[in-house]
Amino acid sequence: MTENVWGYRETSGRLAGADLTGYKVEAKDGSIGKVDKHSDEVGSAYIVVDTGPWIFGKEVLLPAGTIERIDAQEEKIYVGRTKDEIKAAPEFDKETHLGNEDYHRQVGGYYDGPHRL
């Protein structure tokens, strides 16, 4: 592992304290939704994406390390994963998974796994 999957990359363009809520999220192969919630917590930074009709209104949790670039002017976040990779991630439920260490490890392992950038 060369980077912490739960931390923003230095090259992402992340401005500390900026509100990412409502930003559009783009996978490598197309749009996946909008940011519903985000956290800048050190060692546990993430975005929660409301996928809308893409995967039947579900939400997905993306560790900050999956973010390649943030375009504040266009309010878009570009992630270094395909739609299929995101869709295959461990299922997310905001009510039970936020703050759950086991789930955190499971998601971190998935995004830091063999298909990692």
PDB file of N, CA and C in Angstrom:
ATOM      1  N   MET A   1       0.843  -1.177   0.000  1.00  0.00           N
ATOM      2  CA  MET A   1       0.000   0.000   0.000  1.00  0.00           C
ATOM      3  C   MET A   1       0.890   1.242   0.000  1.00  0.00           C
ATOM      4  N   THR A   2       0.676   2.094  -0.996  1.00  0.00           N
ATOM      5  CA  THR A   2       1.507   3.281  -1.099  1.00  0.00           C
ATOM      6  C   THR A   2       0.828   4.535  -0.562  1.00  0.00           C
ATOM      7  N   GLU A   3      -0.505   4.530  -0.502  1.00  0.00           N
ATOM      8  CA  GLU A   3      -1.237   5.678   0.024  1.00  0.00           C
ATOM      9  C   GLU A   3      -2.327   5.189   0.962  1.00  0.00           C
ATOM     10  N   ASN A   4      -2.734   6.031   1.863  1.00  0.00           N
ATOM     11  CA  ASN A   4      -3.843   5.711   2.744  1.00  0.00           C
ATOM     12  C   ASN A   4      -5.149   5.909   1.981  1.00  0.00           C
ATOM     13  N   VAL A   5      -5.926   4.842   1.820  1.00  0.00           N
ATOM     14  CA  VAL A   5      -7.167   4.924   1.063  1.00  0.00           C
ATOM     15  C   VAL A   5      -8.196   5.841   1.737  1.00  0.00           C
ATOM     16  N   TRP A   6      -8.022   6.116   3.028  1.00  0.00           N
ATOM     17  CA  TRP A   6      -8.946   6.970   3.769  1.00  0.00           C
ATOM     18  C   TRP A   6      -8.455   8.415   3.888  1.00  0.00           C
ATOM     19  N   GLY A   7      -7.487   8.793   3.065  1.00  0.00           N
ATOM     20  CA  GLY A   7      -6.988  10.168   3.061  1.00  0.00           C
ATOM     21  C   GLY A   7      -7.007  10.732   1.652  1.00  0.00           C
ATOM     22  N   TYR A   8      -7.225  12.034   1.531  1.00  0.00           N
ATOM     23  CA  TYR A   8      -7.208  12.676   0.218  1.00  0.00           C
ATOM     24  C   TYR A   8      -5.791  12.676  -0.329  1.00  0.00           C
ATOM     25  N   ARG A   9      -5.661  12.435  -1.606  1.00  0.00           N
ATOM     26  CA  ARG A   9      -4.356  12.524  -2.270  1.00  0.00           C
ATOM     27  C   ARG A   9      -3.940  13.990  -2.306  1.00  0.00           C
ATOM     28  N   GLU A  10      -2.660  14.227  -2.177  1.00  0.00           N
ATOM     29  CA  GLU A  10      -2.170  15.613  -2.224  1.00  0.00           C
ATOM     30  C   GLU A  10      -2.503  16.274  -3.549  1.00  0.00           C
ATOM     31  N   THR A  11      -2.600  15.472  -4.612  1.00  0.00           N
ATOM     32  CA  THR A  11      -2.855  15.997  -5.953  1.00  0.00           C
ATOM     33  C   THR A  11      -4.342  16.131  -6.290  1.00  0.00           C
ATOM     34  N   SER A  12      -5.237  15.834  -5.327  1.00  0.00           N
ATOM     35  CA  SER A  12      -6.679  15.843  -5.616  1.00  0.00           C
ATOM     36  C   SER A  12      -7.254  17.246  -5.797  1.00  0.00           C
ATOM     37  N   GLY A  13      -6.592  18.241  -5.246  1.00  0.00           N
ATOM     38  CA  GLY A  13      -7.124  19.596  -5.309  1.00  0.00           C
ATOM     39  C   GLY A  13      -8.108  19.891  -4.189  1.00  0.00           C
ATOM     40  N   ARG A  14      -8.132  19.035  -3.190  1.00  0.00           N
ATOM     41  CA  ARG A  14      -9.043  19.198  -2.043  1.00  0.00           C
ATOM     42  C   ARG A  14      -8.635  20.408  -1.226  1.00  0.00           C
ATOM     43  N   LEU A  15      -9.591  21.307  -1.014  1.00  0.00           N
ATOM     44  CA  LEU A  15      -9.361  22.469  -0.177  1.00  0.00           C
ATOM     45  C   LEU A  15      -9.985  22.196   1.183  1.00  0.00           C
ATOM     46  N   ALA A  16      -9.188  22.225   2.227  1.00  0.00           N
ATOM     47  CA  ALA A  16      -9.673  21.944   3.579  1.00  0.00           C
ATOM     48  C   ALA A  16     -10.847  22.850   3.919  1.00  0.00           C
ATOM     49  N   GLY A  17     -11.892  22.243   4.455  1.00  0.00           N
ATOM     50  CA  GLY A  17     -13.050  23.001   4.879  1.00  0.00           C
ATOM     51  C   GLY A  17     -14.088  23.258   3.794  1.00  0.00           C
ATOM     52  N   ALA A  18     -13.776  22.945   2.542  1.00  0.00           N
ATOM     53  CA  ALA A  18     -14.743  23.164   1.462  1.00  0.00           C
ATOM     54  C   ALA A  18     -15.882  22.153   1.576  1.00  0.00           C
ATOM     55  N   ASP A  19     -17.094  22.615   1.338  1.00  0.00           N
ATOM     56  CA  ASP A  19     -18.269  21.747   1.399  1.00  0.00           C
ATOM     57  C   ASP A  19     -18.472  21.089   0.041  1.00  0.00           C
ATOM     58  N   LEU A  20     -18.373  19.756   0.000  1.00  0.00           N
ATOM     59  CA  LEU A  20     -18.510  19.012  -1.241  1.00  0.00           C
ATOM     60  C   LEU A  20     -19.935  18.532  -1.492  1.00  0.00           C
ATOM     61  N   THR A  21     -20.831  18.786  -0.565  1.00  0.00           N
ATOM     62  CA  THR A  21     -22.213  18.342  -0.705  1.00  0.00           C
ATOM     63  C   THR A  21     -22.814  18.899  -1.992  1.00  0.00           C
ATOM     64  N   GLY A  22     -23.425  18.010  -2.778  1.00  0.00           N
ATOM     65  CA  GLY A  22     -24.043  18.409  -4.036  1.00  0.00           C
ATOM     66  C   GLY A  22     -23.140  18.308  -5.247  1.00  0.00           C
ATOM     67  N   TYR A  23     -21.840  18.121  -5.040  1.00  0.00           N
ATOM     68  CA  TYR A  23     -20.926  17.972  -6.171  1.00  0.00           C
ATOM     69  C   TYR A  23     -21.296  16.717  -6.961  1.00  0.00           C
ATOM     70  N   LYS A  24     -21.205  16.786  -8.278  1.00  0.00           N
ATOM     71  CA  LYS A  24     -21.415  15.622  -9.132  1.00  0.00           C
ATOM     72  C   LYS A  24     -20.186  14.724  -9.033  1.00  0.00           C
ATOM     73  N   VAL A  25     -20.403  13.412  -9.128  1.00  0.00           N
ATOM     74  CA  VAL A  25     -19.306  12.458  -9.017  1.00  0.00           C
ATOM     75  C   VAL A  25     -19.203  11.657 -10.307  1.00  0.00           C
ATOM     76  N   GLU A  26     -18.002  11.647 -10.873  1.00  0.00           N
ATOM     77  CA  GLU A  26     -17.732  10.968 -12.134  1.00  0.00           C
ATOM     78  C   GLU A  26     -16.781   9.804 -11.909  1.00  0.00           C
ATOM     79  N   ALA A  27     -17.198   8.603 -12.324  1.00  0.00           N
ATOM     80  CA  ALA A  27     -16.315   7.448 -12.341  1.00  0.00           C
ATOM     81  C   ALA A  27     -15.498   7.522 -13.625  1.00  0.00           C
ATOM     82  N   LYS A  28     -14.607   6.556 -13.841  1.00  0.00           N
ATOM     83  CA  LYS A  28     -13.794   6.552 -15.061  1.00  0.00           C
ATOM     84  C   LYS A  28     -14.663   6.443 -16.307  1.00  0.00           C
ATOM     85  N   ASP A  29     -15.848   5.830 -16.159  1.00  0.00           N
ATOM     86  CA  ASP A  29     -16.692   5.579 -17.321  1.00  0.00           C
ATOM     87  C   ASP A  29     -18.069   6.224 -17.233  1.00  0.00           C
ATOM     88  N   GLY A  30     -18.186   7.316 -16.494  1.00  0.00           N
ATOM     89  CA  GLY A  30     -19.450   8.045 -16.483  1.00  0.00           C
ATOM     90  C   GLY A  30     -19.894   8.492 -15.106  1.00  0.00           C
ATOM     91  N   SER A  31     -20.987   9.224 -15.098  1.00  0.00           N
ATOM     92  CA  SER A  31     -21.526   9.808 -13.873  1.00  0.00           C
ATOM     93  C   SER A  31     -22.125   8.741 -12.969  1.00  0.00           C
ATOM     94  N   ILE A  32     -21.914   8.894 -11.638  1.00  0.00           N
ATOM     95  CA  ILE A  32     -22.514   7.950 -10.689  1.00  0.00           C
ATOM     96  C   ILE A  32     -23.453   8.630  -9.695  1.00  0.00           C
ATOM     97  N   GLY A  33     -23.515   9.945  -9.674  1.00  0.00           N
ATOM     98  CA  GLY A  33     -24.436  10.614  -8.766  1.00  0.00           C
ATOM     99  C   GLY A  33     -23.864  11.883  -8.185  1.00  0.00           C
ATOM    100  N   LYS A  34     -24.397  12.236  -6.995  1.00  0.00           N
ATOM    101  CA  LYS A  34     -23.985  13.464  -6.311  1.00  0.00           C
ATOM    102  C   LYS A  34     -23.619  13.160  -4.865  1.00  0.00           C
ATOM    103  N   VAL A  35     -22.725  13.997  -4.319  1.00  0.00           N
ATOM    104  CA  VAL A  35     -22.300  13.842  -2.929  1.00  0.00           C
ATOM    105  C   VAL A  35     -23.456  14.222  -2.000  1.00  0.00           C
ATOM    106  N   ASP A  36     -23.793  13.278  -1.115  1.00  0.00           N
ATOM    107  CA  ASP A  36     -24.832  13.497  -0.122  1.00  0.00           C
ATOM    108  C   ASP A  36     -24.206  13.925   1.210  1.00  0.00           C
ATOM    109  N   LYS A  37     -23.031  13.370   1.509  1.00  0.00           N
ATOM    110  CA  LYS A  37     -22.333  13.651   2.762  1.00  0.00           C
ATOM    111  C   LYS A  37     -20.847  13.444   2.519  1.00  0.00           C
ATOM    112  N   HIS A  38     -20.028  14.123   3.322  1.00  0.00           N
ATOM    113  CA  HIS A  38     -18.585  13.900   3.232  1.00  0.00           C
ATOM    114  C   HIS A  38     -17.952  14.143   4.592  1.00  0.00           C
ATOM    115  N   SER A  39     -16.768  13.571   4.741  1.00  0.00           N
ATOM    116  CA  SER A  39     -16.026  13.745   5.984  1.00  0.00           C
ATOM    117  C   SER A  39     -14.567  14.021   5.659  1.00  0.00           C
ATOM    118  N   ASP A  40     -13.988  14.928   6.409  1.00  0.00           N
ATOM    119  CA  ASP A  40     -12.568  15.244   6.275  1.00  0.00           C
ATOM    120  C   ASP A  40     -11.771  14.687   7.441  1.00  0.00           C
ATOM    121  N   GLU A  41     -12.381  13.825   8.236  1.00  0.00           N
ATOM    122  CA  GLU A  41     -11.721  13.286   9.419  1.00  0.00           C
ATOM    123  C   GLU A  41     -10.412  12.597   9.038  1.00  0.00           C
ATOM    124  N   VAL A  42      -9.344  12.963   9.693  1.00  0.00           N
ATOM    125  CA  VAL A  42      -8.028  12.405   9.396  1.00  0.00           C
ATOM    126  C   VAL A  42      -8.060  10.891   9.586  1.00  0.00           C
ATOM    127  N   GLY A  43      -7.617  10.174   8.561  1.00  0.00           N
ATOM    128  CA  GLY A  43      -7.580   8.721   8.605  1.00  0.00           C
ATOM    129  C   GLY A  43      -8.915   8.062   8.335  1.00  0.00           C
ATOM    130  N   SER A  44      -9.950   8.877   8.075  1.00  0.00           N
ATOM    131  CA  SER A  44     -11.288   8.337   7.832  1.00  0.00           C
ATOM    132  C   SER A  44     -12.093   9.253   6.908  1.00  0.00           C
ATOM    133  N   ALA A  45     -11.421   9.889   5.963  1.00  0.00           N
ATOM    134  CA  ALA A  45     -12.102  10.813   5.055  1.00  0.00           C
ATOM    135  C   ALA A  45     -12.820  10.029   3.949  1.00  0.00           C
ATOM    136  N   TYR A  46     -14.018  10.500   3.600  1.00  0.00           N
ATOM    137  CA  TYR A  46     -14.814   9.785   2.602  1.00  0.00           C
ATOM    138  C   TYR A  46     -15.861  10.720   2.006  1.00  0.00           C
ATOM    139  N   ILE A  47     -16.520  10.229   0.941  1.00  0.00           N
ATOM    140  CA  ILE A  47     -17.726  10.859   0.431  1.00  0.00           C
ATOM    141  C   ILE A  47     -18.802   9.778   0.353  1.00  0.00           C
ATOM    142  N   VAL A  48     -20.042  10.175   0.610  1.00  0.00           N
ATOM    143  CA  VAL A  48     -21.194   9.299   0.416  1.00  0.00           C
ATOM    144  C   VAL A  48     -21.906   9.835  -0.819  1.00  0.00           C
ATOM    145  N   VAL A  49     -22.085   8.960  -1.816  1.00  0.00           N
ATOM    146  CA  VAL A  49     -22.674   9.367  -3.086  1.00  0.00           C
ATOM    147  C   VAL A  49     -24.092   8.811  -3.214  1.00  0.00           C
ATOM    148  N   ASP A  50     -25.041   9.707  -3.457  1.00  0.00           N
ATOM    149  CA  ASP A  50     -26.411   9.297  -3.762  1.00  0.00           C
ATOM    150  C   ASP A  50     -26.425   8.971  -5.251  1.00  0.00           C
ATOM    151  N   THR A  51     -26.630   7.697  -5.576  1.00  0.00           N
ATOM    152  CA  THR A  51     -26.517   7.250  -6.967  1.00  0.00           C
ATOM    153  C   THR A  51     -27.777   7.493  -7.777  1.00  0.00           C
ATOM    154  N   GLY A  52     -28.851   7.944  -7.134  1.00  0.00           N
ATOM    155  CA  GLY A  52     -30.085   8.199  -7.873  1.00  0.00           C
ATOM    156  C   GLY A  52     -30.523   6.964  -8.637  1.00  0.00           C
ATOM    157  N   PRO A  53     -30.942   7.122  -9.883  1.00  0.00           N
ATOM    158  CA  PRO A  53     -31.449   5.973 -10.638  1.00  0.00           C
ATOM    159  C   PRO A  53     -30.365   4.994 -11.104  1.00  0.00           C
ATOM    160  N   TRP A  54     -29.088   5.392 -11.004  1.00  0.00           N
ATOM    161  CA  TRP A  54     -28.025   4.525 -11.517  1.00  0.00           C
ATOM    162  C   TRP A  54     -28.052   3.144 -10.864  1.00  0.00           C
ATOM    163  N   ILE A  55     -28.071   3.061  -9.547  1.00  0.00           N
ATOM    164  CA  ILE A  55     -28.261   1.764  -8.895  1.00  0.00           C
ATOM    165  C   ILE A  55     -29.433   1.863  -7.925  1.00  0.00           C
ATOM    166  N   PHE A  56     -30.565   2.189  -8.479  1.00  0.00           N
ATOM    167  CA  PHE A  56     -31.844   2.156  -7.781  1.00  0.00           C
ATOM    168  C   PHE A  56     -31.872   2.998  -6.507  1.00  0.00           C
ATOM    169  N   GLY A  57     -31.315   4.197  -6.582  1.00  0.00           N
ATOM    170  CA  GLY A  57     -31.419   5.121  -5.468  1.00  0.00           C
ATOM    171  C   GLY A  57     -30.582   4.781  -4.251  1.00  0.00           C
ATOM    172  N   LYS A  58     -29.634   3.885  -4.402  1.00  0.00           N
ATOM    173  CA  LYS A  58     -28.776   3.535  -3.267  1.00  0.00           C
ATOM    174  C   LYS A  58     -27.684   4.583  -3.094  1.00  0.00           C
ATOM    175  N   GLU A  59     -27.027   4.493  -1.952  1.00  0.00           N
ATOM    176  CA  GLU A  59     -25.867   5.337  -1.691  1.00  0.00           C
ATOM    177  C   GLU A  59     -24.637   4.445  -1.637  1.00  0.00           C
ATOM    178  N   VAL A  60     -23.499   5.017  -1.995  1.00  0.00           N
ATOM    179  CA  VAL A  60     -22.234   4.296  -1.903  1.00  0.00           C
ATOM    180  C   VAL A  60     -21.242   5.139  -1.120  1.00  0.00           C
ATOM    181  N   LEU A  61     -20.373   4.457  -0.397  1.00  0.00           N
ATOM    182  CA  LEU A  61     -19.321   5.111   0.380  1.00  0.00           C
ATOM    183  C   LEU A  61     -18.020   4.974  -0.387  1.00  0.00           C
ATOM    184  N   LEU A  62     -17.380   6.088  -0.675  1.00  0.00           N
ATOM    185  CA  LEU A  62     -16.095   6.076  -1.371  1.00  0.00           C
ATOM    186  C   LEU A  62     -15.033   6.704  -0.480  1.00  0.00           C
ATOM    187  N   PRO A  63     -13.997   5.942  -0.132  1.00  0.00           N
ATOM    188  CA  PRO A  63     -12.896   6.525   0.636  1.00  0.00           C
ATOM    189  C   PRO A  63     -12.256   7.669  -0.144  1.00  0.00           C
ATOM    190  N   ALA A  64     -11.763   8.660   0.563  1.00  0.00           N
ATOM    191  CA  ALA A  64     -11.163   9.837  -0.082  1.00  0.00           C
ATOM    192  C   ALA A  64     -10.009   9.477  -1.015  1.00  0.00           C
ATOM    193  N   GLY A  65      -9.313   8.377  -0.736  1.00  0.00           N
ATOM    194  CA  GLY A  65      -8.194   7.967  -1.578  1.00  0.00           C
ATOM    195  C   GLY A  65      -8.596   7.537  -2.975  1.00  0.00           C
ATOM    196  N   THR A  66      -9.895   7.292  -3.213  1.00  0.00           N
ATOM    197  CA  THR A  66     -10.352   6.934  -4.566  1.00  0.00           C
ATOM    198  C   THR A  66     -10.520   8.171  -5.435  1.00  0.00           C
ATOM    199  N   ILE A  67     -10.491   9.348  -4.806  1.00  0.00           N
ATOM    200  CA  ILE A  67     -10.690  10.598  -5.540  1.00  0.00           C
ATOM    201  C   ILE A  67      -9.397  11.011  -6.230  1.00  0.00           C
ATOM    202  N   GLU A  68      -9.482  11.148  -7.546  1.00  0.00           N
ATOM    203  CA  GLU A  68      -8.319  11.582  -8.320  1.00  0.00           C
ATOM    204  C   GLU A  68      -8.219  13.095  -8.383  1.00  0.00           C
ATOM    205  N   ARG A  69      -9.390  13.745  -8.549  1.00  0.00           N
ATOM    206  CA  ARG A  69      -9.365  15.193  -8.762  1.00  0.00           C
ATOM    207  C   ARG A  69     -10.703  15.800  -8.365  1.00  0.00           C
ATOM    208  N   ILE A  70     -10.638  16.991  -7.794  1.00  0.00           N
ATOM    209  CA  ILE A  70     -11.824  17.758  -7.451  1.00  0.00           C
ATOM    210  C   ILE A  70     -11.780  19.060  -8.237  1.00  0.00           C
ATOM    211  N   ASP A  71     -12.826  19.310  -9.010  1.00  0.00           N
ATOM    212  CA  ASP A  71     -12.937  20.550  -9.773  1.00  0.00           C
ATOM    213  C   ASP A  71     -13.970  21.429  -9.076  1.00  0.00           C
ATOM    214  N   ALA A  72     -13.495  22.351  -8.236  1.00  0.00           N
ATOM    215  CA  ALA A  72     -14.384  23.199  -7.444  1.00  0.00           C
ATOM    216  C   ALA A  72     -15.197  24.138  -8.331  1.00  0.00           C
ATOM    217  N   GLN A  73     -14.620  24.574  -9.432  1.00  0.00           N
ATOM    218  CA  GLN A  73     -15.323  25.503 -10.314  1.00  0.00           C
ATOM    219  C   GLN A  73     -16.541  24.827 -10.958  1.00  0.00           C
ATOM    220  N   GLU A  74     -16.376  23.574 -11.396  1.00  0.00           N
ATOM    221  CA  GLU A  74     -17.491  22.848 -12.010  1.00  0.00           C
ATOM    222  C   GLU A  74     -18.273  22.026 -10.998  1.00  0.00           C
ATOM    223  N   GLU A  75     -17.816  22.006  -9.745  1.00  0.00           N
ATOM    224  CA  GLU A  75     -18.422  21.216  -8.682  1.00  0.00           C
ATOM    225  C   GLU A  75     -18.539  19.746  -9.087  1.00  0.00           C
ATOM    226  N   LYS A  76     -17.386  19.186  -9.500  1.00  0.00           N
ATOM    227  CA  LYS A  76     -17.313  17.782  -9.900  1.00  0.00           C
ATOM    228  C   LYS A  76     -16.147  17.108  -9.198  1.00  0.00           C
ATOM    229  N   ILE A  77     -16.375  15.843  -8.853  1.00  0.00           N
ATOM    230  CA  ILE A  77     -15.350  15.009  -8.240  1.00  0.00           C
ATOM    231  C   ILE A  77     -15.116  13.829  -9.180  1.00  0.00           C
ATOM    232  N   TYR A  78     -13.863  13.580  -9.500  1.00  0.00           N
ATOM    233  CA  TYR A  78     -13.497  12.479 -10.384  1.00  0.00           C
ATOM    234  C   TYR A  78     -12.833  11.386  -9.567  1.00  0.00           C
ATOM    235  N   VAL A  79     -13.395  10.178  -9.645  1.00  0.00           N
ATOM    236  CA  VAL A  79     -12.839   9.051  -8.903  1.00  0.00           C
ATOM    237  C   VAL A  79     -12.174   8.069  -9.862  1.00  0.00           C
ATOM    238  N   GLY A  80     -11.136   7.411  -9.375  1.00  0.00           N
ATOM    239  CA  GLY A  80     -10.339   6.504 -10.191  1.00  0.00           C
ATOM    240  C   GLY A  80     -10.856   5.077 -10.186  1.00  0.00           C
ATOM    241  N   ARG A  81     -12.148   4.910 -10.286  1.00  0.00           N
ATOM    242  CA  ARG A  81     -12.765   3.583 -10.329  1.00  0.00           C
ATOM    243  C   ARG A  81     -13.841   3.586 -11.402  1.00  0.00           C
ATOM    244  N   THR A  82     -14.144   2.396 -11.919  1.00  0.00           N
ATOM    245  CA  THR A  82     -15.225   2.276 -12.896  1.00  0.00           C
ATOM    246  C   THR A  82     -16.548   2.120 -12.171  1.00  0.00           C
ATOM    247  N   LYS A  83     -17.627   2.288 -12.915  1.00  0.00           N
ATOM    248  CA  LYS A  83     -18.956   2.098 -12.340  1.00  0.00           C
ATOM    249  C   LYS A  83     -19.113   0.671 -11.803  1.00  0.00           C
ATOM    250  N   ASP A  84     -18.608  -0.308 -12.544  1.00  0.00           N
ATOM    251  CA  ASP A  84     -18.718  -1.705 -12.096  1.00  0.00           C
ATOM    252  C   ASP A  84     -17.960  -1.943 -10.797  1.00  0.00           C
ATOM    253  N   GLU A  85     -16.776  -1.347 -10.654  1.00  0.00           N
ATOM    254  CA  GLU A  85     -16.010  -1.499  -9.415  1.00  0.00           C
ATOM    255  C   GLU A  85     -16.780  -0.895  -8.234  1.00  0.00           C
ATOM    256  N   ILE A  86     -17.385   0.254  -8.459  1.00  0.00           N
ATOM    257  CA  ILE A  86     -18.137   0.917  -7.394  1.00  0.00           C
ATOM    258  C   ILE A  86     -19.398   0.127  -7.060  1.00  0.00           C
ATOM    259  N   LYS A  87     -20.075  -0.356  -8.087  1.00  0.00           N
ATOM    260  CA  LYS A  87     -21.298  -1.134  -7.880  1.00  0.00           C
ATOM    261  C   LYS A  87     -21.018  -2.430  -7.119  1.00  0.00           C
ATOM    262  N   ALA A  88     -19.827  -3.024  -7.308  1.00  0.00           N
ATOM    263  CA  ALA A  88     -19.464  -4.291  -6.668  1.00  0.00           C
ATOM    264  C   ALA A  88     -18.904  -4.111  -5.248  1.00  0.00           C
ATOM    265  N   ALA A  89     -18.751  -2.874  -4.803  1.00  0.00           N
ATOM    266  CA  ALA A  89     -18.210  -2.604  -3.464  1.00  0.00           C
ATOM    267  C   ALA A  89     -19.167  -3.121  -2.396  1.00  0.00           C
ATOM    268  N   PRO A  90     -18.660  -3.322  -1.178  1.00  0.00           N
ATOM    269  CA  PRO A  90     -19.541  -3.741  -0.086  1.00  0.00           C
ATOM    270  C   PRO A  90     -20.738  -2.786   0.034  1.00  0.00           C
ATOM    271  N   GLU A  91     -21.923  -3.360   0.189  1.00  0.00           N
ATOM    272  CA  GLU A  91     -23.149  -2.567   0.257  1.00  0.00           C
ATOM    273  C   GLU A  91     -23.099  -1.587   1.422  1.00  0.00           C
ATOM    274  N   PHE A  92     -23.665  -0.415   1.205  1.00  0.00           N
ATOM    275  CA  PHE A  92     -23.603   0.664   2.195  1.00  0.00           C
ATOM    276  C   PHE A  92     -24.995   1.024   2.690  1.00  0.00           C
ATOM    277  N   ASP A  93     -25.111   1.200   3.992  1.00  0.00           N
ATOM    278  CA  ASP A  93     -26.333   1.697   4.628  1.00  0.00           C
ATOM    279  C   ASP A  93     -25.879   2.757   5.633  1.00  0.00           C
ATOM    280  N   LYS A  94     -26.243   3.988   5.363  1.00  0.00           N
ATOM    281  CA  LYS A  94     -25.779   5.112   6.182  1.00  0.00           C
ATOM    282  C   LYS A  94     -26.117   4.933   7.664  1.00  0.00           C
ATOM    283  N   GLU A  95     -27.262   4.366   7.960  1.00  0.00           N
ATOM    284  CA  GLU A  95     -27.699   4.216   9.346  1.00  0.00           C
ATOM    285  C   GLU A  95     -26.840   3.232  10.142  1.00  0.00           C
ATOM    286  N   THR A  96     -26.325   2.199   9.476  1.00  0.00           N
ATOM    287  CA  THR A  96     -25.566   1.179  10.211  1.00  0.00           C
ATOM    288  C   THR A  96     -24.067   1.199   9.941  1.00  0.00           C
ATOM    289  N   HIS A  97     -23.641   1.790   8.844  1.00  0.00           N
ATOM    290  CA  HIS A  97     -22.237   1.663   8.465  1.00  0.00           C
ATOM    291  C   HIS A  97     -21.341   2.844   8.799  1.00  0.00           C
ATOM    292  N   LEU A  98     -21.872   4.061   8.883  1.00  0.00           N
ATOM    293  CA  LEU A  98     -21.008   5.193   9.218  1.00  0.00           C
ATOM    294  C   LEU A  98     -20.501   5.014  10.643  1.00  0.00           C
ATOM    295  N   GLY A  99     -19.199   5.061  10.802  1.00  0.00           N
ATOM    296  CA  GLY A  99     -18.588   4.902  12.114  1.00  0.00           C
ATOM    297  C   GLY A  99     -18.376   3.459  12.536  1.00  0.00           C
ATOM    298  N   ASN A 100     -18.765   2.507  11.695  1.00  0.00           N
ATOM    299  CA  ASN A 100     -18.601   1.088  12.001  1.00  0.00           C
ATOM    300  C   ASN A 100     -17.201   0.645  11.557  1.00  0.00           C
ATOM    301  N   GLU A 101     -16.335   0.304  12.507  1.00  0.00           N
ATOM    302  CA  GLU A 101     -14.940  -0.026  12.189  1.00  0.00           C
ATOM    303  C   GLU A 101     -14.792  -1.256  11.301  1.00  0.00           C
ATOM    304  N   ASP A 102     -15.615  -2.281  11.523  1.00  0.00           N
ATOM    305  CA  ASP A 102     -15.532  -3.481  10.683  1.00  0.00           C
ATOM    306  C   ASP A 102     -15.874  -3.164   9.232  1.00  0.00           C
ATOM    307  N   TYR A 103     -16.930  -2.386   9.048  1.00  0.00           N
ATOM    308  CA  TYR A 103     -17.312  -1.997   7.693  1.00  0.00           C
ATOM    309  C   TYR A 103     -16.222  -1.124   7.066  1.00  0.00           C
ATOM    310  N   HIS A 104     -15.676  -0.238   7.860  1.00  0.00           N
ATOM    311  CA  HIS A 104     -14.589   0.649   7.427  1.00  0.00           C
ATOM    312  C   HIS A 104     -13.410  -0.190   6.885  1.00  0.00           C
ATOM    313  N   ARG A 105     -13.034  -1.228   7.634  1.00  0.00           N
ATOM    314  CA  ARG A 105     -11.938  -2.116   7.200  1.00  0.00           C
ATOM    315  C   ARG A 105     -12.307  -2.870   5.925  1.00  0.00           C
ATOM    316  N   GLN A 106     -13.563  -3.322   5.844  1.00  0.00           N
ATOM    317  CA  GLN A 106     -14.024  -4.067   4.675  1.00  0.00           C
ATOM    318  C   GLN A 106     -13.960  -3.194   3.417  1.00  0.00           C
ATOM    319  N   VAL A 107     -14.464  -1.983   3.502  1.00  0.00           N
ATOM    320  CA  VAL A 107     -14.452  -1.067   2.355  1.00  0.00           C
ATOM    321  C   VAL A 107     -13.016  -0.663   2.012  1.00  0.00           C
ATOM    322  N   GLY A 108     -12.221  -0.367   3.036  1.00  0.00           N
ATOM    323  CA  GLY A 108     -10.823  -0.003   2.797  1.00  0.00           C
ATOM    324  C   GLY A 108     -10.071  -1.125   2.099  1.00  0.00           C
ATOM    325  N   GLY A 109     -10.295  -2.359   2.522  1.00  0.00           N
ATOM    326  CA  GLY A 109      -9.663  -3.512   1.885  1.00  0.00           C
ATOM    327  C   GLY A 109     -10.103  -3.689   0.445  1.00  0.00           C
ATOM    328  N   TYR A 110     -11.384  -3.441   0.194  1.00  0.00           N
ATOM    329  CA  TYR A 110     -11.902  -3.567  -1.168  1.00  0.00           C
ATOM    330  C   TYR A 110     -11.248  -2.536  -2.089  1.00  0.00           C
ATOM    331  N   TYR A 111     -11.242  -1.285  -1.693  1.00  0.00           N
ATOM    332  CA  TYR A 111     -10.699  -0.228  -2.554  1.00  0.00           C
ATOM    333  C   TYR A 111      -9.177  -0.199  -2.584  1.00  0.00           C
ATOM    334  N   ASP A 112      -8.532  -0.855  -1.646  1.00  0.00           N
ATOM    335  CA  ASP A 112      -7.080  -0.917  -1.633  1.00  0.00           C
ATOM    336  C   ASP A 112      -6.598  -2.264  -2.177  1.00  0.00           C
ATOM    337  N   GLY A 113      -7.538  -3.040  -2.724  1.00  0.00           N
ATOM    338  CA  GLY A 113      -7.254  -4.405  -3.198  1.00  0.00           C
ATOM    339  C   GLY A 113      -6.601  -4.462  -4.565  1.00  0.00           C
ATOM    340  N   PRO A 114      -6.711  -5.619  -5.225  1.00  0.00           N
ATOM    341  CA  PRO A 114      -6.006  -5.902  -6.477  1.00  0.00           C
ATOM    342  C   PRO A 114      -6.317  -4.955  -7.633  1.00  0.00           C
ATOM    343  N   HIS A 115      -7.537  -4.392  -7.678  1.00  0.00           N
ATOM    344  CA  HIS A 115      -7.869  -3.491  -8.778  1.00  0.00           C
ATOM    345  C   HIS A 115      -7.484  -2.050  -8.480  1.00  0.00           C
ATOM    346  N   ARG A 116      -6.736  -1.861  -7.416  1.00  0.00           N
ATOM    347  CA  ARG A 116      -6.296  -0.542  -6.991  1.00  0.00           C
ATOM    348  C   ARG A 116      -5.469   0.123  -8.089  1.00  0.00           C
ATOM    349  N   LEU A 117      -5.537   1.430  -8.141  1.00  0.00           N
ATOM    350  CA  LEU A 117      -4.771   2.210  -9.131  1.00  0.00           C
ATOM    351  C   LEU A 117      -3.285   2.013  -8.994  1.00  0.00           C
TER     352      LEU A 117
END
